[in-house]
Amino acid sequence: MPDTDCRLYLITPPILPEKFEDQLAAALDAGDISAVQLRLKDVSDDILLKTIDRLRPIVQKRDVAFILNDRPDLAKKSGCDGAHVGQTDMAIKDARKILGDLMLGVTCHNSRHLAMEAGEAGADYVAFGAFYATTTKEPPEMAEIETLKLWAETMEIPCVAIGGITAENCAPLVQAGAEFLAVVGAVWNHADGPAAGVQAMLKAITAAGE
C-alpha cells in the first residue's frame, strides 16, 4: 500500500483488445487499485451489458469497485458498484435517484463551482481534468493543479485527477491532494504490460507521498 492516501483508479482503454480479461486480471493483481471504470463509447446496450457481464466479476471478486461510464440505468441493472457521468450526460440529481445508494462520480473539468454543485446533488466523488495532454478524450479545457489543491484543502468530497497522467508526471497531483489518480494509457499501453504499468504508477505515487 502507498504511504500516501492517493490510490489508483483504472479506466478501460477506448477499444478493448483481445484477451482483455487476462490483462485486466493481471493489472488488478499487480497492486492496490480502488476502482475500474468501464468506458465504452458508441456501442449498443446489448454489447455494453455483455461486456459488463464479462468484466465485472473479475473486478468485484478482488474487492475492487466496478464503475460504468455514462449509464446509471445500466449500472443499476447489471450489478455494477456505481456510475460516472459527465456534465452533459444527464442531470446529476437524476443519476443519483437512479443509482440509489450506489456510487456516483461526476466530471467537473477545471471548475470548483461545478464540483460543489455535483456534491450538493449527491456525488460521491468529483473528477478534475485533464491535467496533461491526452489522446483518450478531448477535454473542453485543461485543468489547473491549483483547482485540485484548493478542493482537497477545503472540501470533504473525494477528488479524482484525470487526463494524461503517467508515473513520470503524477507527483504534483499526489502532492496537491488528489485522493485518486485515474489512468488509461499509463497502464494499458505500458511497454511491459498492464501489470508493470500498475506497479510503476504505485511506485510513483508512493515516492510522491514521501
N, C-alpha and C. Protein backbone atom coordinates (compact mmCIF):
# COMPACT_ATOMS: atom_id res chain seq x y z
N MET A 1 0.85 -1.20 0.00
CA MET A 1 0.00 0.00 0.00
C MET A 1 0.88 1.25 0.00
N PRO A 2 0.50 2.30 -0.73
CA PRO A 2 1.29 3.51 -0.71
C PRO A 2 1.23 4.20 0.64
N ASP A 3 2.27 5.00 0.93
CA ASP A 3 2.30 5.75 2.18
C ASP A 3 1.34 6.94 2.14
N THR A 4 0.95 7.35 0.93
CA THR A 4 0.00 8.44 0.77
C THR A 4 -1.42 7.88 0.73
N ASP A 5 -2.39 8.76 0.89
CA ASP A 5 -3.80 8.34 0.80
C ASP A 5 -4.25 8.21 -0.64
N CYS A 6 -3.42 8.64 -1.59
CA CYS A 6 -3.79 8.60 -3.00
C CYS A 6 -3.80 7.17 -3.52
N ARG A 7 -4.84 6.84 -4.28
CA ARG A 7 -4.98 5.48 -4.82
C ARG A 7 -5.20 5.52 -6.33
N LEU A 8 -5.06 4.39 -6.94
CA LEU A 8 -5.15 4.27 -8.39
C LEU A 8 -6.58 3.90 -8.81
N TYR A 9 -7.04 4.54 -9.88
CA TYR A 9 -8.39 4.35 -10.42
C TYR A 9 -8.20 4.04 -11.91
N LEU A 10 -8.47 2.82 -12.30
CA LEU A 10 -8.25 2.41 -13.69
C LEU A 10 -9.49 2.67 -14.55
N ILE A 11 -9.24 3.17 -15.76
CA ILE A 11 -10.30 3.33 -16.75
C ILE A 11 -9.93 2.45 -17.94
N THR A 12 -10.89 1.72 -18.46
CA THR A 12 -10.60 0.80 -19.55
C THR A 12 -10.20 1.57 -20.81
N PRO A 13 -9.39 0.95 -21.68
CA PRO A 13 -9.00 1.61 -22.92
C PRO A 13 -10.20 1.79 -23.85
N PRO A 14 -10.10 2.74 -24.80
CA PRO A 14 -11.24 3.01 -25.69
C PRO A 14 -11.70 1.79 -26.48
N ILE A 15 -10.77 0.94 -26.86
CA ILE A 15 -11.10 -0.30 -27.56
C ILE A 15 -10.51 -1.45 -26.77
N LEU A 16 -11.35 -2.39 -26.36
CA LEU A 16 -10.86 -3.50 -25.55
C LEU A 16 -10.11 -4.49 -26.46
N PRO A 17 -8.85 -4.75 -26.16
CA PRO A 17 -8.06 -5.65 -27.01
C PRO A 17 -8.42 -7.11 -26.79
N GLU A 18 -7.86 -7.96 -27.63
CA GLU A 18 -8.02 -9.40 -27.44
C GLU A 18 -7.46 -9.77 -26.06
N LYS A 19 -8.10 -10.72 -25.43
CA LYS A 19 -7.66 -11.23 -24.13
C LYS A 19 -7.62 -10.13 -23.07
N PHE A 20 -8.55 -9.15 -23.19
CA PHE A 20 -8.53 -8.06 -22.22
C PHE A 20 -8.82 -8.56 -20.81
N GLU A 21 -9.63 -9.60 -20.69
CA GLU A 21 -9.93 -10.14 -19.36
C GLU A 21 -8.64 -10.54 -18.65
N ASP A 22 -7.71 -11.17 -19.38
CA ASP A 22 -6.43 -11.57 -18.79
C ASP A 22 -5.61 -10.35 -18.41
N GLN A 23 -5.61 -9.34 -19.26
CA GLN A 23 -4.86 -8.11 -18.96
C GLN A 23 -5.45 -7.40 -17.74
N LEU A 24 -6.77 -7.38 -17.66
CA LEU A 24 -7.43 -6.74 -16.53
C LEU A 24 -7.08 -7.46 -15.24
N ALA A 25 -7.16 -8.77 -15.24
CA ALA A 25 -6.83 -9.54 -14.05
C ALA A 25 -5.38 -9.31 -13.63
N ALA A 26 -4.48 -9.28 -14.60
CA ALA A 26 -3.07 -9.06 -14.29
C ALA A 26 -2.85 -7.68 -13.68
N ALA A 27 -3.53 -6.67 -14.21
CA ALA A 27 -3.41 -5.32 -13.67
C ALA A 27 -3.93 -5.26 -12.24
N LEU A 28 -5.07 -5.88 -12.00
CA LEU A 28 -5.67 -5.85 -10.67
C LEU A 28 -4.83 -6.61 -9.65
N ASP A 29 -4.14 -7.64 -10.10
CA ASP A 29 -3.33 -8.44 -9.18
C ASP A 29 -1.95 -7.83 -8.93
N ALA A 30 -1.65 -6.72 -9.63
CA ALA A 30 -0.31 -6.13 -9.53
C ALA A 30 -0.16 -5.18 -8.35
N GLY A 31 -1.26 -4.77 -7.72
CA GLY A 31 -1.16 -3.85 -6.60
C GLY A 31 -2.49 -3.22 -6.25
N ASP A 32 -2.46 -2.28 -5.33
CA ASP A 32 -3.66 -1.66 -4.79
C ASP A 32 -4.37 -0.79 -5.83
N ILE A 33 -5.61 -1.15 -6.15
CA ILE A 33 -6.44 -0.39 -7.08
C ILE A 33 -7.80 -0.18 -6.44
N SER A 34 -8.31 1.03 -6.52
CA SER A 34 -9.57 1.36 -5.85
C SER A 34 -10.79 1.02 -6.70
N ALA A 35 -10.68 1.25 -8.01
CA ALA A 35 -11.86 1.09 -8.87
C ALA A 35 -11.43 0.87 -10.31
N VAL A 36 -12.33 0.27 -11.07
CA VAL A 36 -12.18 0.14 -12.52
C VAL A 36 -13.44 0.72 -13.15
N GLN A 37 -13.24 1.66 -14.05
CA GLN A 37 -14.38 2.25 -14.78
C GLN A 37 -14.40 1.70 -16.20
N LEU A 38 -15.53 1.09 -16.57
CA LEU A 38 -15.73 0.64 -17.94
C LEU A 38 -16.24 1.82 -18.76
N ARG A 39 -15.41 2.23 -19.73
CA ARG A 39 -15.81 3.34 -20.60
C ARG A 39 -15.77 2.83 -22.04
N LEU A 40 -16.95 2.52 -22.56
CA LEU A 40 -17.09 2.08 -23.94
C LEU A 40 -18.09 3.00 -24.63
N LYS A 41 -17.64 3.71 -25.63
CA LYS A 41 -18.50 4.66 -26.34
C LYS A 41 -19.05 4.04 -27.62
N ASP A 42 -20.23 4.51 -27.99
CA ASP A 42 -20.81 4.18 -29.29
C ASP A 42 -21.00 2.68 -29.51
N VAL A 43 -21.46 1.99 -28.48
CA VAL A 43 -21.82 0.58 -28.63
C VAL A 43 -23.27 0.42 -28.17
N SER A 44 -23.89 -0.65 -28.61
CA SER A 44 -25.29 -0.90 -28.24
C SER A 44 -25.39 -1.29 -26.77
N ASP A 45 -26.58 -1.15 -26.22
CA ASP A 45 -26.81 -1.58 -24.84
C ASP A 45 -26.51 -3.06 -24.68
N ASP A 46 -26.83 -3.84 -25.70
CA ASP A 46 -26.61 -5.28 -25.63
C ASP A 46 -25.12 -5.60 -25.51
N ILE A 47 -24.30 -4.94 -26.32
CA ILE A 47 -22.86 -5.16 -26.24
C ILE A 47 -22.31 -4.67 -24.91
N LEU A 48 -22.81 -3.53 -24.47
CA LEU A 48 -22.35 -2.98 -23.19
C LEU A 48 -22.67 -3.93 -22.04
N LEU A 49 -23.88 -4.45 -22.02
CA LEU A 49 -24.28 -5.37 -20.95
C LEU A 49 -23.47 -6.66 -20.99
N LYS A 50 -23.21 -7.16 -22.19
CA LYS A 50 -22.41 -8.37 -22.32
C LYS A 50 -20.97 -8.13 -21.84
N THR A 51 -20.45 -6.94 -22.12
CA THR A 51 -19.10 -6.60 -21.68
C THR A 51 -19.05 -6.48 -20.16
N ILE A 52 -20.07 -5.88 -19.59
CA ILE A 52 -20.16 -5.78 -18.13
C ILE A 52 -20.16 -7.17 -17.51
N ASP A 53 -20.94 -8.07 -18.08
CA ASP A 53 -21.03 -9.43 -17.55
C ASP A 53 -19.68 -10.15 -17.61
N ARG A 54 -18.86 -9.81 -18.62
CA ARG A 54 -17.54 -10.42 -18.75
C ARG A 54 -16.54 -9.86 -17.75
N LEU A 55 -16.59 -8.55 -17.54
CA LEU A 55 -15.53 -7.89 -16.78
C LEU A 55 -15.85 -7.68 -15.30
N ARG A 56 -17.13 -7.43 -15.02
CA ARG A 56 -17.50 -7.11 -13.63
C ARG A 56 -17.05 -8.17 -12.62
N PRO A 57 -17.27 -9.48 -12.89
CA PRO A 57 -16.85 -10.46 -11.89
C PRO A 57 -15.35 -10.46 -11.62
N ILE A 58 -14.55 -10.20 -12.65
CA ILE A 58 -13.10 -10.15 -12.48
C ILE A 58 -12.71 -9.06 -11.49
N VAL A 59 -13.39 -7.94 -11.60
CA VAL A 59 -13.09 -6.78 -10.75
C VAL A 59 -13.64 -6.98 -9.34
N GLN A 60 -14.91 -7.32 -9.26
CA GLN A 60 -15.56 -7.37 -7.95
C GLN A 60 -15.03 -8.49 -7.06
N LYS A 61 -14.60 -9.60 -7.64
CA LYS A 61 -14.11 -10.68 -6.79
C LYS A 61 -12.77 -10.33 -6.14
N ARG A 62 -12.16 -9.24 -6.60
CA ARG A 62 -10.93 -8.74 -5.99
C ARG A 62 -11.22 -7.56 -5.06
N ASP A 63 -12.49 -7.38 -4.72
CA ASP A 63 -12.92 -6.29 -3.82
C ASP A 63 -12.55 -4.91 -4.37
N VAL A 64 -12.64 -4.78 -5.68
CA VAL A 64 -12.42 -3.50 -6.36
C VAL A 64 -13.76 -3.05 -6.93
N ALA A 65 -14.06 -1.76 -6.82
CA ALA A 65 -15.34 -1.24 -7.31
C ALA A 65 -15.37 -1.24 -8.84
N PHE A 66 -16.51 -1.64 -9.40
CA PHE A 66 -16.70 -1.65 -10.85
C PHE A 66 -17.70 -0.55 -11.21
N ILE A 67 -17.20 0.47 -11.94
CA ILE A 67 -17.98 1.67 -12.24
C ILE A 67 -18.26 1.72 -13.74
N LEU A 68 -19.48 2.08 -14.11
CA LEU A 68 -19.86 2.20 -15.51
C LEU A 68 -19.92 3.67 -15.91
N ASN A 69 -19.31 4.01 -17.03
CA ASN A 69 -19.34 5.37 -17.53
C ASN A 69 -20.67 5.67 -18.22
N ASP A 70 -21.21 6.84 -17.96
CA ASP A 70 -22.36 7.41 -18.69
C ASP A 70 -23.75 6.86 -18.35
N ARG A 71 -23.84 5.60 -17.94
CA ARG A 71 -25.15 4.95 -17.93
C ARG A 71 -25.55 4.46 -16.52
N PRO A 72 -26.05 5.35 -15.67
CA PRO A 72 -26.52 4.92 -14.35
C PRO A 72 -27.60 3.84 -14.43
N ASP A 73 -28.46 3.92 -15.46
CA ASP A 73 -29.54 2.93 -15.58
C ASP A 73 -28.99 1.52 -15.78
N LEU A 74 -28.02 1.38 -16.68
CA LEU A 74 -27.43 0.06 -16.91
C LEU A 74 -26.54 -0.37 -15.75
N ALA A 75 -25.92 0.59 -15.09
CA ALA A 75 -25.10 0.25 -13.92
C ALA A 75 -25.97 -0.39 -12.84
N LYS A 76 -27.13 0.20 -12.62
CA LYS A 76 -28.06 -0.33 -11.63
C LYS A 76 -28.59 -1.70 -12.04
N LYS A 77 -28.89 -1.83 -13.31
CA LYS A 77 -29.49 -3.07 -13.84
C LYS A 77 -28.52 -4.24 -13.82
N SER A 78 -27.22 -3.96 -13.99
CA SER A 78 -26.26 -5.03 -14.27
C SER A 78 -25.34 -5.37 -13.10
N GLY A 79 -25.62 -4.80 -11.93
CA GLY A 79 -24.83 -5.18 -10.75
C GLY A 79 -23.52 -4.45 -10.58
N CYS A 80 -23.36 -3.32 -11.25
CA CYS A 80 -22.16 -2.51 -11.06
C CYS A 80 -22.19 -1.86 -9.67
N ASP A 81 -21.06 -1.34 -9.26
CA ASP A 81 -20.98 -0.67 -7.96
C ASP A 81 -21.31 0.81 -8.05
N GLY A 82 -21.45 1.32 -9.27
CA GLY A 82 -21.78 2.72 -9.43
C GLY A 82 -21.62 3.16 -10.87
N ALA A 83 -21.74 4.48 -11.07
CA ALA A 83 -21.63 5.05 -12.41
C ALA A 83 -20.91 6.38 -12.33
N HIS A 84 -20.33 6.76 -13.45
CA HIS A 84 -19.66 8.06 -13.58
C HIS A 84 -20.32 8.81 -14.72
N VAL A 85 -20.71 10.05 -14.49
CA VAL A 85 -21.39 10.84 -15.53
C VAL A 85 -20.63 12.14 -15.78
N GLY A 86 -20.75 12.61 -17.02
CA GLY A 86 -20.20 13.90 -17.39
C GLY A 86 -21.24 15.00 -17.23
N GLN A 87 -20.83 16.22 -17.53
CA GLN A 87 -21.72 17.35 -17.36
C GLN A 87 -22.88 17.34 -18.35
N THR A 88 -22.72 16.66 -19.47
CA THR A 88 -23.77 16.68 -20.50
C THR A 88 -24.52 15.35 -20.59
N ASP A 89 -24.21 14.38 -19.73
CA ASP A 89 -24.85 13.06 -19.83
C ASP A 89 -26.28 13.08 -19.31
N MET A 90 -26.47 13.57 -18.10
CA MET A 90 -27.81 13.69 -17.52
C MET A 90 -27.69 14.54 -16.26
N ALA A 91 -28.81 15.03 -15.76
CA ALA A 91 -28.78 15.80 -14.52
C ALA A 91 -28.25 14.92 -13.39
N ILE A 92 -27.37 15.49 -12.60
CA ILE A 92 -26.74 14.72 -11.53
C ILE A 92 -27.78 14.20 -10.54
N LYS A 93 -28.76 15.02 -10.24
CA LYS A 93 -29.79 14.58 -9.29
C LYS A 93 -30.57 13.39 -9.84
N ASP A 94 -30.74 13.34 -11.16
CA ASP A 94 -31.43 12.20 -11.78
C ASP A 94 -30.56 10.94 -11.69
N ALA A 95 -29.26 11.11 -11.92
CA ALA A 95 -28.35 9.98 -11.81
C ALA A 95 -28.34 9.45 -10.38
N ARG A 96 -28.36 10.36 -9.43
CA ARG A 96 -28.38 9.97 -8.02
C ARG A 96 -29.64 9.18 -7.69
N LYS A 97 -30.75 9.62 -8.22
CA LYS A 97 -32.02 8.94 -7.97
C LYS A 97 -32.01 7.54 -8.56
N ILE A 98 -31.48 7.40 -9.78
CA ILE A 98 -31.43 6.08 -10.43
C ILE A 98 -30.54 5.13 -9.65
N LEU A 99 -29.38 5.62 -9.20
CA LEU A 99 -28.38 4.76 -8.57
C LEU A 99 -28.73 4.36 -7.14
N GLY A 100 -29.58 5.13 -6.50
CA GLY A 100 -29.87 4.82 -5.10
C GLY A 100 -28.62 4.98 -4.26
N ASP A 101 -28.22 3.91 -3.57
CA ASP A 101 -27.04 4.01 -2.70
C ASP A 101 -25.75 3.57 -3.40
N LEU A 102 -25.80 3.37 -4.71
CA LEU A 102 -24.59 3.04 -5.45
C LEU A 102 -23.72 4.30 -5.63
N MET A 103 -22.47 4.09 -5.99
CA MET A 103 -21.52 5.19 -6.11
C MET A 103 -21.79 6.05 -7.34
N LEU A 104 -21.64 7.37 -7.16
CA LEU A 104 -21.82 8.31 -8.26
C LEU A 104 -20.62 9.24 -8.34
N GLY A 105 -19.96 9.23 -9.50
CA GLY A 105 -18.87 10.17 -9.76
C GLY A 105 -19.26 11.13 -10.86
N VAL A 106 -18.72 12.35 -10.81
CA VAL A 106 -19.11 13.39 -11.77
C VAL A 106 -17.87 14.12 -12.29
N THR A 107 -17.80 14.27 -13.61
CA THR A 107 -16.74 15.04 -14.24
C THR A 107 -16.99 16.53 -14.02
N CYS A 108 -15.95 17.24 -13.57
CA CYS A 108 -16.12 18.67 -13.27
C CYS A 108 -15.07 19.55 -13.95
N HIS A 109 -14.28 18.97 -14.85
CA HIS A 109 -13.29 19.71 -15.65
C HIS A 109 -12.34 20.50 -14.75
N ASN A 110 -12.37 21.83 -14.84
CA ASN A 110 -11.49 22.67 -14.03
C ASN A 110 -12.29 23.58 -13.10
N SER A 111 -13.51 23.15 -12.77
CA SER A 111 -14.44 24.04 -12.08
C SER A 111 -14.80 23.56 -10.67
N ARG A 112 -14.37 24.32 -9.68
CA ARG A 112 -14.79 24.01 -8.31
C ARG A 112 -16.28 24.30 -8.13
N HIS A 113 -16.81 25.23 -8.92
CA HIS A 113 -18.24 25.53 -8.85
C HIS A 113 -19.06 24.32 -9.30
N LEU A 114 -18.67 23.72 -10.43
CA LEU A 114 -19.36 22.52 -10.89
C LEU A 114 -19.21 21.39 -9.87
N ALA A 115 -18.05 21.30 -9.26
CA ALA A 115 -17.82 20.25 -8.27
C ALA A 115 -18.70 20.45 -7.04
N MET A 116 -18.85 21.69 -6.62
CA MET A 116 -19.72 21.96 -5.47
C MET A 116 -21.18 21.64 -5.80
N GLU A 117 -21.60 21.99 -7.01
CA GLU A 117 -22.96 21.65 -7.44
C GLU A 117 -23.15 20.13 -7.48
N ALA A 118 -22.13 19.42 -7.96
CA ALA A 118 -22.20 17.97 -8.02
C ALA A 118 -22.32 17.38 -6.61
N GLY A 119 -21.54 17.91 -5.69
CA GLY A 119 -21.61 17.44 -4.31
C GLY A 119 -22.98 17.67 -3.69
N GLU A 120 -23.54 18.84 -3.97
CA GLU A 120 -24.87 19.16 -3.43
C GLU A 120 -25.94 18.26 -4.02
N ALA A 121 -25.71 17.79 -5.26
CA ALA A 121 -26.69 16.92 -5.93
C ALA A 121 -26.49 15.44 -5.59
N GLY A 122 -25.46 15.14 -4.79
CA GLY A 122 -25.31 13.77 -4.32
C GLY A 122 -24.12 12.99 -4.84
N ALA A 123 -23.16 13.66 -5.49
CA ALA A 123 -21.98 12.95 -5.99
C ALA A 123 -21.15 12.42 -4.83
N ASP A 124 -20.62 11.22 -5.01
CA ASP A 124 -19.73 10.63 -4.01
C ASP A 124 -18.28 11.03 -4.23
N TYR A 125 -17.94 11.38 -5.48
CA TYR A 125 -16.62 11.93 -5.77
C TYR A 125 -16.73 12.82 -7.00
N VAL A 126 -15.78 13.73 -7.15
CA VAL A 126 -15.73 14.61 -8.31
C VAL A 126 -14.40 14.39 -9.02
N ALA A 127 -14.39 14.57 -10.33
CA ALA A 127 -13.18 14.38 -11.13
C ALA A 127 -12.79 15.68 -11.81
N PHE A 128 -11.53 16.07 -11.62
CA PHE A 128 -10.97 17.24 -12.29
C PHE A 128 -9.98 16.78 -13.37
N GLY A 129 -9.96 17.49 -14.49
CA GLY A 129 -9.02 17.16 -15.54
C GLY A 129 -9.54 17.66 -16.89
N ALA A 130 -8.74 17.57 -17.92
CA ALA A 130 -7.46 16.88 -17.98
C ALA A 130 -6.33 17.79 -17.50
N PHE A 131 -5.37 17.18 -16.79
CA PHE A 131 -4.22 17.93 -16.29
C PHE A 131 -3.07 17.94 -17.28
N TYR A 132 -3.00 16.91 -18.11
CA TYR A 132 -1.94 16.81 -19.11
C TYR A 132 -2.57 16.40 -20.44
N ALA A 133 -1.82 16.57 -21.50
CA ALA A 133 -2.33 16.19 -22.83
C ALA A 133 -2.69 14.71 -22.84
N THR A 134 -3.80 14.39 -23.47
CA THR A 134 -4.27 13.02 -23.52
C THR A 134 -4.87 12.72 -24.88
N THR A 135 -4.68 11.49 -25.34
CA THR A 135 -5.27 11.07 -26.61
C THR A 135 -6.55 10.28 -26.40
N THR A 136 -6.91 10.03 -25.13
CA THR A 136 -8.07 9.21 -24.83
C THR A 136 -9.38 9.98 -25.04
N LYS A 137 -9.38 11.23 -24.61
CA LYS A 137 -10.61 12.02 -24.67
C LYS A 137 -10.23 13.49 -24.77
N GLU A 138 -10.87 14.22 -25.67
CA GLU A 138 -10.57 15.63 -25.86
C GLU A 138 -11.29 16.45 -24.80
N PRO A 139 -10.55 17.05 -23.83
CA PRO A 139 -11.21 17.82 -22.78
C PRO A 139 -11.64 19.19 -23.29
N PRO A 140 -12.72 19.75 -22.74
CA PRO A 140 -13.14 21.08 -23.15
C PRO A 140 -12.16 22.15 -22.69
N GLU A 141 -11.41 21.85 -21.65
CA GLU A 141 -10.39 22.76 -21.15
C GLU A 141 -9.40 21.95 -20.32
N MET A 142 -8.21 22.50 -20.15
CA MET A 142 -7.23 21.85 -19.30
C MET A 142 -7.47 22.29 -17.86
N ALA A 143 -7.17 21.40 -16.93
CA ALA A 143 -7.37 21.71 -15.52
C ALA A 143 -6.06 22.18 -14.89
N GLU A 144 -6.18 22.99 -13.86
CA GLU A 144 -5.02 23.53 -13.16
C GLU A 144 -4.84 22.79 -11.83
N ILE A 145 -3.60 22.54 -11.49
CA ILE A 145 -3.32 21.84 -10.25
C ILE A 145 -3.84 22.64 -9.05
N GLU A 146 -3.86 23.95 -9.17
CA GLU A 146 -4.36 24.79 -8.08
C GLU A 146 -5.84 24.49 -7.78
N THR A 147 -6.62 24.18 -8.82
CA THR A 147 -8.03 23.81 -8.62
C THR A 147 -8.13 22.57 -7.75
N LEU A 148 -7.32 21.60 -8.07
CA LEU A 148 -7.29 20.35 -7.30
C LEU A 148 -6.85 20.61 -5.87
N LYS A 149 -5.81 21.40 -5.70
CA LYS A 149 -5.24 21.68 -4.38
C LYS A 149 -6.26 22.40 -3.49
N LEU A 150 -6.92 23.41 -4.03
CA LEU A 150 -7.90 24.16 -3.24
C LEU A 150 -9.08 23.27 -2.84
N TRP A 151 -9.51 22.41 -3.77
CA TRP A 151 -10.61 21.50 -3.44
C TRP A 151 -10.20 20.55 -2.32
N ALA A 152 -9.05 19.94 -2.46
CA ALA A 152 -8.59 18.96 -1.47
C ALA A 152 -8.42 19.60 -0.09
N GLU A 153 -8.04 20.85 -0.07
CA GLU A 153 -7.80 21.54 1.21
C GLU A 153 -9.09 21.97 1.89
N THR A 154 -10.14 22.20 1.11
CA THR A 154 -11.33 22.83 1.69
C THR A 154 -12.59 21.96 1.69
N MET A 155 -12.60 20.89 0.90
CA MET A 155 -13.82 20.10 0.76
C MET A 155 -13.60 18.66 1.20
N GLU A 156 -14.67 18.01 1.65
CA GLU A 156 -14.57 16.63 2.13
C GLU A 156 -14.85 15.60 1.03
N ILE A 157 -15.56 15.99 -0.01
CA ILE A 157 -15.85 15.04 -1.09
C ILE A 157 -14.56 14.68 -1.82
N PRO A 158 -14.26 13.40 -1.96
CA PRO A 158 -13.01 12.99 -2.60
C PRO A 158 -12.91 13.50 -4.04
N CYS A 159 -11.66 13.74 -4.46
CA CYS A 159 -11.44 14.20 -5.83
C CYS A 159 -10.53 13.25 -6.59
N VAL A 160 -10.86 13.09 -7.85
CA VAL A 160 -10.09 12.27 -8.78
C VAL A 160 -9.41 13.19 -9.77
N ALA A 161 -8.13 12.95 -10.02
CA ALA A 161 -7.42 13.67 -11.08
C ALA A 161 -7.36 12.75 -12.30
N ILE A 162 -7.58 13.32 -13.48
CA ILE A 162 -7.63 12.52 -14.70
C ILE A 162 -7.02 13.30 -15.86
N GLY A 163 -6.51 12.57 -16.84
CA GLY A 163 -6.08 13.21 -18.07
C GLY A 163 -4.58 13.19 -18.28
N GLY A 164 -4.09 12.22 -19.05
CA GLY A 164 -2.69 12.18 -19.42
C GLY A 164 -1.73 11.87 -18.28
N ILE A 165 -2.23 11.28 -17.21
CA ILE A 165 -1.41 11.04 -16.03
C ILE A 165 -0.53 9.82 -16.23
N THR A 166 0.75 9.98 -15.89
CA THR A 166 1.72 8.90 -16.00
C THR A 166 2.55 8.82 -14.72
N ALA A 167 3.37 7.78 -14.63
CA ALA A 167 4.26 7.66 -13.48
C ALA A 167 5.25 8.82 -13.43
N GLU A 168 5.56 9.38 -14.60
CA GLU A 168 6.55 10.46 -14.66
C GLU A 168 5.99 11.82 -14.27
N ASN A 169 4.67 12.02 -14.41
CA ASN A 169 4.14 13.37 -14.16
C ASN A 169 3.12 13.45 -13.02
N CYS A 170 2.91 12.35 -12.31
CA CYS A 170 1.82 12.33 -11.33
C CYS A 170 2.16 12.99 -10.00
N ALA A 171 3.43 13.18 -9.69
CA ALA A 171 3.82 13.67 -8.36
C ALA A 171 3.12 14.96 -7.94
N PRO A 172 3.03 15.99 -8.80
CA PRO A 172 2.35 17.21 -8.37
C PRO A 172 0.88 17.00 -8.01
N LEU A 173 0.23 16.05 -8.66
CA LEU A 173 -1.18 15.78 -8.38
C LEU A 173 -1.34 15.09 -7.03
N VAL A 174 -0.46 14.16 -6.76
CA VAL A 174 -0.47 13.49 -5.45
C VAL A 174 -0.22 14.50 -4.36
N GLN A 175 0.77 15.35 -4.56
CA GLN A 175 1.14 16.33 -3.55
C GLN A 175 0.09 17.42 -3.38
N ALA A 176 -0.72 17.64 -4.42
CA ALA A 176 -1.81 18.62 -4.32
C ALA A 176 -3.00 18.09 -3.55
N GLY A 177 -3.04 16.77 -3.32
CA GLY A 177 -4.10 16.20 -2.50
C GLY A 177 -5.11 15.33 -3.22
N ALA A 178 -4.83 14.94 -4.46
CA ALA A 178 -5.77 14.05 -5.16
C ALA A 178 -5.91 12.75 -4.40
N GLU A 179 -7.14 12.34 -4.15
CA GLU A 179 -7.37 11.06 -3.48
C GLU A 179 -7.23 9.88 -4.44
N PHE A 180 -7.48 10.15 -5.73
CA PHE A 180 -7.40 9.10 -6.73
C PHE A 180 -6.75 9.66 -8.00
N LEU A 181 -5.96 8.82 -8.67
CA LEU A 181 -5.43 9.15 -10.00
C LEU A 181 -6.07 8.21 -10.99
N ALA A 182 -6.82 8.76 -11.94
CA ALA A 182 -7.46 7.95 -12.98
C ALA A 182 -6.53 7.84 -14.17
N VAL A 183 -6.24 6.61 -14.58
CA VAL A 183 -5.27 6.42 -15.67
C VAL A 183 -5.82 5.45 -16.71
N VAL A 184 -5.36 5.65 -17.93
CA VAL A 184 -5.71 4.77 -19.04
C VAL A 184 -4.40 4.28 -19.67
N GLY A 185 -3.80 5.13 -20.50
CA GLY A 185 -2.63 4.73 -21.25
C GLY A 185 -1.44 4.33 -20.41
N ALA A 186 -1.27 4.96 -19.25
CA ALA A 186 -0.12 4.66 -18.39
C ALA A 186 -0.08 3.19 -17.98
N VAL A 187 -1.24 2.56 -17.95
CA VAL A 187 -1.33 1.14 -17.60
C VAL A 187 -1.47 0.28 -18.84
N TRP A 188 -2.49 0.54 -19.64
CA TRP A 188 -2.81 -0.37 -20.75
C TRP A 188 -1.80 -0.30 -21.88
N ASN A 189 -1.10 0.83 -22.02
CA ASN A 189 -0.12 0.97 -23.10
C ASN A 189 1.32 0.82 -22.61
N HIS A 190 1.49 0.40 -21.38
CA HIS A 190 2.85 0.27 -20.84
C HIS A 190 3.63 -0.77 -21.65
N ALA A 191 4.88 -0.45 -21.94
CA ALA A 191 5.70 -1.31 -22.81
C ALA A 191 5.84 -2.73 -22.27
N ASP A 192 5.81 -2.88 -20.95
CA ASP A 192 5.99 -4.20 -20.34
C ASP A 192 4.68 -4.82 -19.88
N GLY A 193 3.56 -4.23 -20.30
CA GLY A 193 2.26 -4.80 -19.96
C GLY A 193 1.56 -4.07 -18.83
N PRO A 194 0.25 -4.32 -18.67
CA PRO A 194 -0.55 -3.62 -17.68
C PRO A 194 -0.08 -3.80 -16.23
N ALA A 195 0.38 -5.00 -15.88
CA ALA A 195 0.84 -5.21 -14.50
C ALA A 195 2.02 -4.30 -14.19
N ALA A 196 2.95 -4.21 -15.13
CA ALA A 196 4.10 -3.32 -14.94
C ALA A 196 3.65 -1.86 -14.89
N GLY A 197 2.62 -1.53 -15.67
CA GLY A 197 2.09 -0.17 -15.64
C GLY A 197 1.51 0.19 -14.28
N VAL A 198 0.77 -0.75 -13.70
CA VAL A 198 0.21 -0.53 -12.36
C VAL A 198 1.35 -0.37 -11.34
N GLN A 199 2.33 -1.24 -11.40
CA GLN A 199 3.43 -1.18 -10.44
C GLN A 199 4.21 0.11 -10.56
N ALA A 200 4.41 0.59 -11.78
CA ALA A 200 5.11 1.85 -11.98
C ALA A 200 4.32 3.03 -11.40
N MET A 201 3.00 3.02 -11.61
CA MET A 201 2.17 4.09 -11.06
C MET A 201 2.18 4.06 -9.54
N LEU A 202 2.05 2.89 -8.95
CA LEU A 202 2.03 2.80 -7.50
C LEU A 202 3.37 3.22 -6.89
N LYS A 203 4.45 2.86 -7.53
CA LYS A 203 5.77 3.28 -7.07
C LYS A 203 5.90 4.80 -7.11
N ALA A 204 5.40 5.41 -8.18
CA ALA A 204 5.46 6.85 -8.32
C ALA A 204 4.59 7.56 -7.29
N ILE A 205 3.40 6.98 -7.02
CA ILE A 205 2.50 7.56 -6.01
C ILE A 205 3.16 7.52 -4.63
N THR A 206 3.77 6.39 -4.31
CA THR A 206 4.45 6.25 -3.03
C THR A 206 5.58 7.25 -2.90
N ALA A 207 6.39 7.36 -3.95
CA ALA A 207 7.51 8.29 -3.93
C ALA A 207 7.05 9.74 -3.77
N ALA A 208 5.94 10.09 -4.43
CA ALA A 208 5.43 11.45 -4.34
C ALA A 208 4.91 11.78 -2.95
N GLY A 209 4.46 10.76 -2.22
CA GLY A 209 3.89 10.98 -0.91
C GLY A 209 4.90 10.94 0.23
N GLU A 210 6.13 10.62 -0.08
CA GLU A 210 7.15 10.51 0.98
C GLU A 210 7.70 11.88 1.37
